[in-house]
Every structure is written in structure tokens, then in C-alpha cells.
């Protein structure tokens, strides 16, 4: 009986996965002087600056990879504690604080 219940659970889990939208890989890039601490915060992580962008080559080009479902996401970079707009992204929207948020559009297939 337990094996039947586990089989049903696995079937439901597989079905749920197949009906959810496919996540897309998205890269965020920020350019600044080497040695900065750069994080991304936005609607994709409940505005918690916990997605660190790394400057692996020490050239001042910071990158991180996100896996997001199709949709629109607002975000900002947090550079050495300062919240910054993504100036390389032409898409932005006003926020409730009287400034702007960058807008990331993740397209489906």
C-alpha cells in the first residue's frame, strides 16, 4: 500500500513540474571599479540583496546567473550598500519611493 501511495506522489510531482512554465537562464551584469561588493535585489528574491554578482576576472565586470520563469521582474543593484538602477538596461518603472526600478522582461519560448 505504501508503494502505491509513493507512486501516486511521484506522478503528481512530475505532472506539476510539467505544467509549470519553464525557467529561463538570465544574466545580470554590472560594470564598476574592481573590488566592489555588488548584489542584485528585486521582485525575484523579495527585494533581499542576497544575489551576489562576482567579478571573477577582477576587471570590474560583475555577473550573476538567475533562473526565472517568464514574466516581468523589477530589480536594482546594491553596490557597496547603495541601491542603484541598472544603467545598461533601458527598461525601467517608477517605484513607490519616488525613484526608478530596472525592469527585467523574461520571455517564454
Protein backbone atom coordinates (compact mmCIF):
# COMPACT_ATOMS: atom_id res chain seq x y z
CA UNK A 1 0.00 0.00 0.00
CA UNK A 2 2.82 2.43 0.83
CA UNK A 3 4.48 1.84 -2.53
CA UNK A 4 1.22 2.75 -4.34
CA UNK A 5 0.94 5.96 -2.35
CA UNK A 6 4.57 6.85 -3.18
CA UNK A 7 3.95 6.09 -6.87
CA UNK A 8 0.95 8.45 -6.85
CA UNK A 9 3.02 11.15 -5.18
CA UNK A 10 5.75 10.83 -7.80
CA UNK A 11 3.17 11.02 -10.59
CA UNK A 12 1.64 14.19 -9.15
CA UNK A 13 5.07 15.77 -8.69
CA UNK A 14 6.01 15.02 -12.30
CA UNK A 15 2.69 16.40 -13.54
CA UNK A 16 3.10 19.57 -11.51
CA UNK A 17 6.60 20.11 -12.89
CA UNK A 18 5.46 19.64 -16.47
CA UNK A 19 2.67 22.24 -16.19
CA UNK A 20 4.81 24.97 -14.64
CA UNK A 21 6.42 27.44 -17.05
CA UNK A 22 9.99 26.64 -17.99
CA UNK A 23 12.57 28.72 -16.17
CA UNK A 24 14.97 30.69 -18.31
CA UNK A 25 18.59 31.47 -17.54
CA UNK A 26 19.15 35.22 -17.25
CA UNK A 27 22.43 37.02 -16.60
CA UNK A 28 22.74 40.29 -14.73
CA UNK A 29 25.90 42.31 -15.43
CA UNK A 30 27.17 45.41 -13.67
CA UNK A 31 30.34 47.33 -14.53
CA UNK A 32 32.27 49.28 -11.91
CA UNK A 33 35.74 49.52 -10.43
CA UNK A 34 37.20 46.23 -9.22
CA UNK A 35 36.86 45.45 -5.52
CA UNK A 36 33.22 46.45 -5.10
CA UNK A 37 30.55 44.37 -3.34
CA UNK A 38 27.65 44.07 -5.81
CA UNK A 39 24.32 42.36 -5.16
CA UNK A 40 21.00 42.16 -7.01
CA UNK A 41 17.70 42.65 -5.23
CA UNK A 42 14.29 42.58 -6.82
CA UNK A 43 10.88 41.03 -7.11
CA UNK A 44 12.59 37.71 -7.96
CA UNK A 45 14.08 37.45 -4.42
CA UNK A 46 11.64 39.50 -2.33
CA UNK A 47 13.96 42.53 -2.55
CA UNK A 48 16.62 40.87 -0.42
CA UNK A 49 20.13 41.82 -1.64
CA UNK A 50 21.35 38.22 -1.44
CA UNK A 51 22.24 37.52 -5.09
CA UNK A 52 25.91 38.43 -5.29
CA UNK A 53 27.43 39.40 -8.62
CA UNK A 54 31.02 38.18 -8.91
CA UNK A 55 33.96 39.85 -10.62
CA UNK A 56 35.83 36.63 -11.39
CA UNK A 57 38.48 38.27 -13.60
CA UNK A 58 38.98 41.32 -11.34
CA UNK A 59 38.22 43.61 -14.29
CA UNK A 60 35.20 45.39 -12.80
CA UNK A 61 32.62 43.32 -14.70
CA UNK A 62 30.31 41.71 -12.14
CA UNK A 63 27.96 38.90 -13.17
CA UNK A 64 25.36 36.57 -11.73
CA UNK A 65 23.03 34.00 -13.23
CA UNK A 66 19.34 33.70 -12.36
CA UNK A 67 16.80 31.03 -13.31
CA UNK A 68 13.45 32.78 -13.70
CA UNK A 69 10.03 31.90 -15.04
CA UNK A 70 8.77 34.06 -17.92
CA UNK A 71 7.41 37.37 -16.69
CA UNK A 72 8.44 40.86 -15.63
CA UNK A 73 10.74 41.48 -12.68
CA UNK A 74 11.73 44.78 -11.08
CA UNK A 75 15.21 45.00 -9.60
CA UNK A 76 18.11 47.18 -8.51
CA UNK A 77 21.79 46.62 -7.86
CA UNK A 78 23.17 47.21 -4.39
CA UNK A 79 26.77 48.40 -4.76
CA UNK A 80 28.73 48.81 -1.54
CA UNK A 81 25.40 49.36 0.24
CA UNK A 82 23.99 51.88 -2.26
CA UNK A 83 20.88 50.98 -4.27
CA UNK A 84 21.48 51.67 -7.99
CA UNK A 85 19.50 51.49 -11.20
CA UNK A 86 20.89 49.24 -13.94
CA UNK A 87 22.03 51.99 -16.30
CA UNK A 88 22.73 49.43 -19.06
CA UNK A 89 19.04 48.44 -19.11
CA UNK A 90 16.76 50.91 -20.95
CA UNK A 91 13.65 49.39 -19.31
CA UNK A 92 12.57 50.90 -16.00
CA UNK A 93 9.44 51.73 -14.00
CA UNK A 94 8.67 54.20 -11.21
CA UNK A 95 8.53 52.76 -7.70
CA UNK A 96 6.67 53.72 -4.51
CA UNK A 97 9.73 55.60 -3.17
CA UNK A 98 9.79 58.22 -5.93
CA UNK A 99 12.71 56.71 -7.80
CA UNK A 100 13.00 54.09 -10.54
CA UNK A 101 13.47 50.32 -10.67
CA UNK A 102 15.05 48.48 -13.58
CA UNK A 103 12.65 46.18 -15.38
CA UNK A 104 13.75 42.71 -16.50
CA UNK A 105 11.49 41.04 -19.06
CA UNK A 106 11.91 37.27 -19.30
CA UNK A 107 10.24 35.90 -22.42
CA UNK A 108 8.81 32.43 -22.78
CA UNK A 109 9.63 30.08 -25.61
